[in-house]
Amino acid sequence: CEIPAEKECTKECQHGGTCSNADNVMRCICRPEFAGDSCERIAEKECTKECQNGGTCFKVNNFIGCICPLEFAGDSCQIELAIVAPTESDTTFLIPANRKTRSP
């Protein structure tokens, strides 16, 4: 009984991935920061950002940020905003709550 030889691994792997030919199935073994059949995309990281004041952590590719409620802003939703009454042109402004407004 003769065991067939494994074929040379010819799958192209990106970003330093390594081609593996286990059981005649070619696949890429990706570095930890990459994913996909050919290691072509950045692996999603766990959303670890601490968002304040009811903000929600989100991740896109390699970016992690916060989606803030309307009355907060900043990288971590740490800045409280105040709603300034509409002007004559019906425009409403949001400004940091601790900032004084100037009269025209």
C-alpha atoms as a PDB file:
ATOM      1  CA  CYS A   1       0.000   0.000   0.000  1.00  0.00           C
ATOM      2  CA  GLU A   2       1.501   3.277  -1.105  1.00  0.00           C
ATOM      3  CA  ILE A   3       0.742   6.627   0.591  1.00  0.00           C
ATOM      4  CA  PRO A   4       0.302   9.453  -1.928  1.00  0.00           C
ATOM      5  CA  ALA A   5       2.714  12.351  -1.488  1.00  0.00           C
ATOM      6  CA  GLU A   6       1.270  15.690  -0.466  1.00  0.00           C
ATOM      7  CA  LYS A   7       1.252  18.373  -3.139  1.00  0.00           C
ATOM      8  CA  GLU A   8       3.399  21.457  -2.760  1.00  0.00           C
ATOM      9  CA  CYS A   9       1.497  24.243  -1.014  1.00  0.00           C
ATOM     10  CA  THR A  10       0.844  26.934  -3.623  1.00  0.00           C
ATOM     11  CA  LYS A  11      -1.842  29.083  -1.964  1.00  0.00           C
ATOM     12  CA  GLU A  12      -0.761  32.732  -1.854  1.00  0.00           C
ATOM     13  CA  CYS A  13      -1.025  34.126   1.677  1.00  0.00           C
ATOM     14  CA  GLN A  14      -0.853  37.866   2.337  1.00  0.00           C
ATOM     15  CA  HIS A  15       0.637  39.852   5.251  1.00  0.00           C
ATOM     16  CA  GLY A  16       3.176  37.205   6.235  1.00  0.00           C
ATOM     17  CA  GLY A  17       0.708  34.310   6.391  1.00  0.00           C
ATOM     18  CA  THR A  18       2.062  30.779   5.878  1.00  0.00           C
ATOM     19  CA  CYS A  19       0.658  28.245   3.441  1.00  0.00           C
ATOM     20  CA  SER A  20      -0.279  24.895   5.012  1.00  0.00           C
ATOM     21  CA  ASN A  21      -1.087  21.703   3.118  1.00  0.00           C
ATOM     22  CA  ALA A  22      -2.427  19.419   5.827  1.00  0.00           C
ATOM     23  CA  ASP A  23      -4.304  16.409   4.417  1.00  0.00           C
ATOM     24  CA  ASN A  24      -3.986  17.853   0.885  1.00  0.00           C
ATOM     25  CA  VAL A  25      -6.109  20.876   1.863  1.00  0.00           C
ATOM     26  CA  MET A  26      -4.273  24.112   1.166  1.00  0.00           C
ATOM     27  CA  ARG A  27      -4.987  26.994   3.531  1.00  0.00           C
ATOM     28  CA  CYS A  28      -3.270  30.004   5.031  1.00  0.00           C
ATOM     29  CA  ILE A  29      -2.164  30.219   8.642  1.00  0.00           C
ATOM     30  CA  CYS A  30      -2.441  33.947   9.412  1.00  0.00           C
ATOM     31  CA  ARG A  31      -0.494  36.093  11.847  1.00  0.00           C
ATOM     32  CA  PRO A  32      -2.705  37.068  14.839  1.00  0.00           C
ATOM     33  CA  GLU A  33      -3.499  40.553  13.508  1.00  0.00           C
ATOM     34  CA  PHE A  34      -4.850  39.284  10.145  1.00  0.00           C
ATOM     35  CA  ALA A  35      -7.752  37.074   9.033  1.00  0.00           C
ATOM     36  CA  GLY A  36      -9.461  35.730   5.905  1.00  0.00           C
ATOM     37  CA  ASP A  37      -8.835  32.867   3.464  1.00  0.00           C
ATOM     38  CA  SER A  38      -5.619  34.548   2.300  1.00  0.00           C
ATOM     39  CA  CYS A  39      -4.938  36.701   5.416  1.00  0.00           C
ATOM     40  CA  GLU A  40      -6.181  39.663   3.378  1.00  0.00           C
ATOM     41  CA  ARG A  41      -7.967  41.658   6.075  1.00  0.00           C
ATOM     42  CA  ILE A  42      -7.220  43.065   9.508  1.00  0.00           C
ATOM     43  CA  ALA A  43      -8.639  40.857  12.252  1.00  0.00           C
ATOM     44  CA  GLU A  44     -11.390  42.427  14.338  1.00  0.00           C
ATOM     45  CA  LYS A  45     -10.208  43.273  17.824  1.00  0.00           C
ATOM     46  CA  GLU A  46     -12.406  43.006  20.851  1.00  0.00           C
ATOM     47  CA  CYS A  47     -14.146  46.306  21.519  1.00  0.00           C
ATOM     48  CA  THR A  48     -12.289  47.404  24.640  1.00  0.00           C
ATOM     49  CA  LYS A  49     -12.804  51.185  24.726  1.00  0.00           C
ATOM     50  CA  GLU A  50     -14.578  52.406  27.841  1.00  0.00           C
ATOM     51  CA  CYS A  51     -17.284  54.819  26.713  1.00  0.00           C
ATOM     52  CA  GLN A  52     -18.743  57.147  29.325  1.00  0.00           C
ATOM     53  CA  ASN A  53     -22.228  58.593  29.777  1.00  0.00           C
ATOM     54  CA  GLY A  54     -24.079  55.807  27.956  1.00  0.00           C
ATOM     55  CA  GLY A  55     -21.789  55.747  24.894  1.00  0.00           C
ATOM     56  CA  THR A  56     -21.446  52.533  22.885  1.00  0.00           C
ATOM     57  CA  CYS A  57     -18.111  51.036  21.831  1.00  0.00           C
ATOM     58  CA  PHE A  58     -17.750  50.189  18.123  1.00  0.00           C
ATOM     59  CA  LYS A  59     -14.992  48.773  15.965  1.00  0.00           C
ATOM     60  CA  VAL A  60     -14.289  49.136  12.255  1.00  0.00           C
ATOM     61  CA  ASN A  61     -11.219  47.458  10.796  1.00  0.00           C
ATOM     62  CA  ASN A  62      -8.488  48.411  13.252  1.00  0.00           C
ATOM     63  CA  PHE A  63     -10.263  51.483  14.717  1.00  0.00           C
ATOM     64  CA  ILE A  64     -12.098  51.373  18.047  1.00  0.00           C
ATOM     65  CA  GLY A  65     -14.249  54.332  19.106  1.00  0.00           C
ATOM     66  CA  CYS A  66     -17.411  55.456  20.902  1.00  0.00           C
ATOM     67  CA  ILE A  67     -20.840  56.398  19.572  1.00  0.00           C
ATOM     68  CA  CYS A  68     -22.069  59.059  21.987  1.00  0.00           C
ATOM     69  CA  PRO A  69     -25.610  60.059  22.971  1.00  0.00           C
ATOM     70  CA  LEU A  70     -26.652  63.417  21.479  1.00  0.00           C
ATOM     71  CA  GLU A  71     -25.848  65.374  24.650  1.00  0.00           C
ATOM     72  CA  PHE A  72     -22.225  64.087  24.905  1.00  0.00           C
ATOM     73  CA  ALA A  73     -19.094  64.229  22.732  1.00  0.00           C
ATOM     74  CA  GLY A  74     -15.369  63.399  22.820  1.00  0.00           C
ATOM     75  CA  ASP A  75     -13.286  60.265  22.280  1.00  0.00           C
ATOM     76  CA  SER A  76     -14.966  58.569  25.254  1.00  0.00           C
ATOM     77  CA  CYS A  77     -18.199  60.652  25.394  1.00  0.00           C
ATOM     78  CA  GLN A  78     -16.676  62.549  28.332  1.00  0.00           C
ATOM     79  CA  ILE A  79     -17.743  66.065  27.247  1.00  0.00           C
ATOM     80  CA  GLU A  80     -21.238  67.118  28.266  1.00  0.00           C
ATOM     81  CA  LEU A  81     -22.963  69.322  25.698  1.00  0.00           C
ATOM     82  CA  ALA A  82     -25.606  71.987  26.266  1.00  0.00           C
ATOM     83  CA  ILE A  83     -28.307  72.742  23.742  1.00  0.00           C
ATOM     84  CA  VAL A  84     -28.430  76.452  22.926  1.00  0.00           C
ATOM     85  CA  ALA A  85     -31.874  77.793  22.046  1.00  0.00           C
ATOM     86  CA  PRO A  86     -32.659  78.113  18.349  1.00  0.00           C
ATOM     87  CA  THR A  87     -31.613  81.335  16.661  1.00  0.00           C
ATOM     88  CA  GLU A  88     -33.670  83.473  14.305  1.00  0.00           C
ATOM     89  CA  SER A  89     -32.675  81.102  11.494  1.00  0.00           C
ATOM     90  CA  ASP A  90     -34.062  78.107  13.495  1.00  0.00           C
ATOM     91  CA  THR A  91     -30.557  76.717  13.985  1.00  0.00           C
ATOM     92  CA  THR A  92     -29.882  74.822  17.205  1.00  0.00           C
ATOM     93  CA  PHE A  93     -26.316  74.584  18.495  1.00  0.00           C
ATOM     94  CA  LEU A  94     -24.620  72.076  20.769  1.00  0.00           C
ATOM     95  CA  ILE A  95     -21.736  73.476  22.816  1.00  0.00           C
ATOM     96  CA  PRO A  96     -19.723  72.111  25.757  1.00  0.00           C
ATOM     97  CA  ALA A  97     -21.873  72.606  28.861  1.00  0.00           C
ATOM     98  CA  ASN A  98     -19.102  74.318  30.833  1.00  0.00           C
ATOM     99  CA  ARG A  99     -18.341  76.913  28.116  1.00  0.00           C
ATOM    100  CA  LYS A 100     -19.920  80.353  28.385  1.00  0.00           C
ATOM    101  CA  THR A 101     -21.658  81.754  25.326  1.00  0.00           C
ATOM    102  CA  ARG A 102     -21.012  85.250  24.024  1.00  0.00           C
ATOM    103  CA  SER A 103     -23.719  87.637  23.037  1.00  0.00           C
ATOM    104  CA  PRO A 104     -23.382  89.153  19.554  1.00  0.00           C
END
